[in-house]
N, C-alpha and C. Protein backbone atom coordinates (compact mmCIF):
# COMPACT_ATOMS: atom_id res chain seq x y z
N MET A 1 127.78 76.60 87.67
CA MET A 1 127.85 76.08 89.02
C MET A 1 126.43 75.80 89.52
N PRO A 2 126.19 74.67 90.08
CA PRO A 2 124.83 74.32 90.47
C PRO A 2 124.33 74.99 91.75
N ILE A 3 125.20 75.62 92.53
CA ILE A 3 124.76 76.35 93.72
C ILE A 3 124.64 77.83 93.38
N ILE A 4 123.46 78.37 93.56
CA ILE A 4 123.18 79.77 93.25
C ILE A 4 123.08 80.53 94.58
N ILE A 5 123.76 81.67 94.66
CA ILE A 5 123.73 82.49 95.86
C ILE A 5 122.79 83.67 95.62
N ASN A 6 121.73 83.75 96.41
CA ASN A 6 120.71 84.79 96.25
C ASN A 6 120.88 85.93 97.25
N LEU A 7 122.11 86.26 97.57
CA LEU A 7 122.37 87.31 98.55
C LEU A 7 121.85 88.65 98.06
N ASP A 8 121.99 88.95 96.79
CA ASP A 8 121.51 90.22 96.26
C ASP A 8 120.00 90.35 96.41
N VAL A 9 119.28 89.24 96.26
CA VAL A 9 117.83 89.25 96.41
C VAL A 9 117.45 89.58 97.85
N MET A 10 118.13 88.93 98.81
CA MET A 10 117.82 89.18 100.22
C MET A 10 118.20 90.60 100.63
N LEU A 11 119.29 91.11 100.12
CA LEU A 11 119.66 92.50 100.41
C LEU A 11 118.58 93.46 99.90
N ALA A 12 118.07 93.21 98.71
CA ALA A 12 117.03 94.06 98.15
C ALA A 12 115.75 93.98 98.99
N ARG A 13 115.39 92.77 99.41
CA ARG A 13 114.19 92.60 100.23
C ARG A 13 114.30 93.33 101.56
N ARG A 14 115.50 93.38 102.11
CA ARG A 14 115.73 94.03 103.40
C ARG A 14 116.12 95.51 103.25
N LYS A 15 116.16 95.95 101.98
CA LYS A 15 116.54 97.34 101.68
C LYS A 15 117.85 97.71 102.35
N MET A 16 118.84 96.85 102.15
CA MET A 16 120.15 97.03 102.76
C MET A 16 121.21 97.03 101.67
N ARG A 17 122.21 97.84 101.84
CA ARG A 17 123.32 97.91 100.89
C ARG A 17 124.42 96.93 101.30
N SER A 18 125.21 96.54 100.35
CA SER A 18 126.33 95.63 100.60
C SER A 18 127.27 96.19 101.65
N ARG A 19 127.51 97.47 101.60
CA ARG A 19 128.42 98.12 102.55
C ARG A 19 127.93 97.94 103.99
N GLU A 20 126.64 98.14 104.20
CA GLU A 20 126.08 97.99 105.55
C GLU A 20 126.19 96.55 106.02
N LEU A 21 125.88 95.60 105.14
CA LEU A 21 126.00 94.20 105.51
C LEU A 21 127.44 93.87 105.88
N ALA A 22 128.37 94.31 105.07
CA ALA A 22 129.79 94.04 105.32
C ALA A 22 130.21 94.56 106.70
N GLU A 23 129.80 95.77 107.01
CA GLU A 23 130.15 96.36 108.31
C GLU A 23 129.53 95.56 109.46
N ARG A 24 128.29 95.14 109.29
CA ARG A 24 127.58 94.47 110.38
C ARG A 24 128.05 93.04 110.61
N ILE A 25 128.58 92.38 109.56
CA ILE A 25 129.03 91.00 109.75
C ILE A 25 130.54 90.89 109.87
N GLY A 26 131.25 92.00 109.65
CA GLY A 26 132.68 92.00 109.87
C GLY A 26 133.53 91.43 108.75
N ILE A 27 133.08 91.60 107.50
CA ILE A 27 133.92 91.22 106.35
C ILE A 27 134.01 92.42 105.42
N THR A 28 134.89 92.34 104.45
CA THR A 28 135.07 93.47 103.55
C THR A 28 133.92 93.55 102.55
N GLU A 29 133.71 94.74 102.05
CA GLU A 29 132.68 94.94 101.03
C GLU A 29 133.01 94.14 99.77
N GLN A 30 134.31 94.01 99.48
CA GLN A 30 134.73 93.22 98.32
C GLN A 30 134.32 91.75 98.48
N ASN A 31 134.46 91.21 99.69
CA ASN A 31 134.05 89.82 99.92
C ASN A 31 132.54 89.65 99.79
N VAL A 32 131.77 90.64 100.22
CA VAL A 32 130.32 90.59 100.02
C VAL A 32 130.02 90.58 98.52
N SER A 33 130.73 91.40 97.77
CA SER A 33 130.55 91.46 96.32
C SER A 33 130.86 90.11 95.67
N LEU A 34 131.92 89.47 96.12
CA LEU A 34 132.27 88.14 95.58
C LEU A 34 131.19 87.12 95.91
N LEU A 35 130.64 87.20 97.11
CA LEU A 35 129.55 86.29 97.49
C LEU A 35 128.33 86.53 96.61
N LYS A 36 127.98 87.79 96.42
CA LYS A 36 126.82 88.13 95.61
C LYS A 36 126.96 87.61 94.18
N SER A 37 128.15 87.69 93.64
CA SER A 37 128.36 87.28 92.26
C SER A 37 128.54 85.76 92.11
N GLY A 38 128.69 85.06 93.23
CA GLY A 38 128.87 83.62 93.17
C GLY A 38 130.28 83.20 92.80
N LYS A 39 131.22 84.13 92.90
CA LYS A 39 132.61 83.84 92.52
C LYS A 39 133.44 83.35 93.70
N VAL A 40 132.80 82.60 94.59
CA VAL A 40 133.51 82.00 95.72
C VAL A 40 133.36 80.49 95.65
N LYS A 41 134.33 79.80 96.18
CA LYS A 41 134.28 78.34 96.18
C LYS A 41 133.66 77.79 97.46
N GLY A 42 133.51 78.66 98.46
CA GLY A 42 132.92 78.23 99.71
C GLY A 42 132.67 79.42 100.61
N VAL A 43 131.93 79.16 101.67
CA VAL A 43 131.64 80.20 102.66
C VAL A 43 131.67 79.52 104.03
N ARG A 44 132.27 80.18 104.99
CA ARG A 44 132.33 79.63 106.34
C ARG A 44 130.94 79.66 106.95
N PHE A 45 130.64 78.63 107.75
CA PHE A 45 129.35 78.60 108.44
C PHE A 45 129.20 79.80 109.37
N GLU A 46 130.29 80.25 109.96
CA GLU A 46 130.25 81.41 110.83
C GLU A 46 129.79 82.65 110.06
N THR A 47 130.31 82.82 108.85
CA THR A 47 129.92 83.96 108.01
C THR A 47 128.46 83.81 107.59
N LEU A 48 128.07 82.62 107.20
CA LEU A 48 126.68 82.37 106.80
C LEU A 48 125.74 82.65 107.97
N GLU A 49 126.14 82.24 109.16
CA GLU A 49 125.33 82.49 110.36
C GLU A 49 125.15 83.99 110.59
N ARG A 50 126.22 84.76 110.47
CA ARG A 50 126.13 86.20 110.69
C ARG A 50 125.26 86.87 109.64
N ILE A 51 125.38 86.42 108.39
CA ILE A 51 124.53 86.97 107.32
C ILE A 51 123.06 86.71 107.64
N CYS A 52 122.77 85.48 108.05
CA CYS A 52 121.38 85.12 108.38
C CYS A 52 120.86 85.92 109.57
N GLN A 53 121.71 86.17 110.57
CA GLN A 53 121.28 86.97 111.72
C GLN A 53 120.94 88.39 111.29
N VAL A 54 121.81 89.00 110.50
CA VAL A 54 121.62 90.39 110.10
C VAL A 54 120.42 90.53 109.16
N LEU A 55 120.28 89.60 108.22
CA LEU A 55 119.19 89.69 107.23
C LEU A 55 117.90 89.01 107.71
N GLU A 56 117.96 88.41 108.92
CA GLU A 56 116.81 87.71 109.48
C GLU A 56 116.21 86.73 108.48
N CYS A 57 117.06 85.79 108.04
CA CYS A 57 116.64 84.80 107.06
C CYS A 57 117.25 83.45 107.40
N GLN A 58 116.92 82.46 106.61
CA GLN A 58 117.45 81.12 106.75
C GLN A 58 118.50 80.89 105.66
N PRO A 59 119.44 79.95 105.88
CA PRO A 59 120.43 79.66 104.84
C PRO A 59 119.78 79.30 103.50
N GLY A 60 118.65 78.64 103.54
CA GLY A 60 117.94 78.27 102.31
C GLY A 60 117.41 79.47 101.54
N ASP A 61 117.28 80.61 102.21
CA ASP A 61 116.87 81.83 101.52
C ASP A 61 118.02 82.40 100.69
N LEU A 62 119.24 82.04 101.06
CA LEU A 62 120.44 82.57 100.41
C LEU A 62 121.02 81.62 99.38
N LEU A 63 120.87 80.32 99.62
CA LEU A 63 121.50 79.31 98.76
C LEU A 63 120.44 78.48 98.05
N GLU A 64 120.67 78.21 96.78
CA GLU A 64 119.73 77.45 95.97
C GLU A 64 120.52 76.46 95.12
N TYR A 65 120.02 75.24 95.02
CA TYR A 65 120.66 74.24 94.18
C TYR A 65 119.89 74.11 92.87
N ARG A 66 120.62 74.14 91.78
CA ARG A 66 120.06 73.86 90.45
C ARG A 66 120.99 72.88 89.77
N ASN A 67 120.43 71.81 89.24
CA ASN A 67 121.32 70.90 88.52
C ASN A 67 121.77 71.56 87.21
N ASP A 68 122.81 71.03 86.63
CA ASP A 68 123.41 71.67 85.44
C ASP A 68 122.42 71.88 84.31
N GLU A 69 121.44 70.99 84.17
CA GLU A 69 120.47 71.12 83.09
C GLU A 69 119.56 72.33 83.30
N GLU A 70 119.18 72.60 84.56
CA GLU A 70 118.33 73.74 84.87
C GLU A 70 119.07 75.06 84.75
N ALA A 71 120.38 75.04 85.06
CA ALA A 71 121.17 76.26 85.09
C ALA A 71 121.42 76.83 83.70
N THR A 72 121.34 76.02 82.67
CA THR A 72 121.63 76.50 81.31
C THR A 72 120.38 76.90 80.58
């Protein structure tokens, strides 16, 4: 998949656990885990906004595009 989700990187930089993020943005820990692993087909802008507020980052800090040639 050409869109890479760097949520785990931002969590590490902010020294925050997935559980805390899930509680603060109002989604399940399992959904945070799915986001971290990139096993989602989409994310609501509302959820992305809450993640950015809590982690004090920009959407570009969380999402990265790589074309198929770079990803392999």
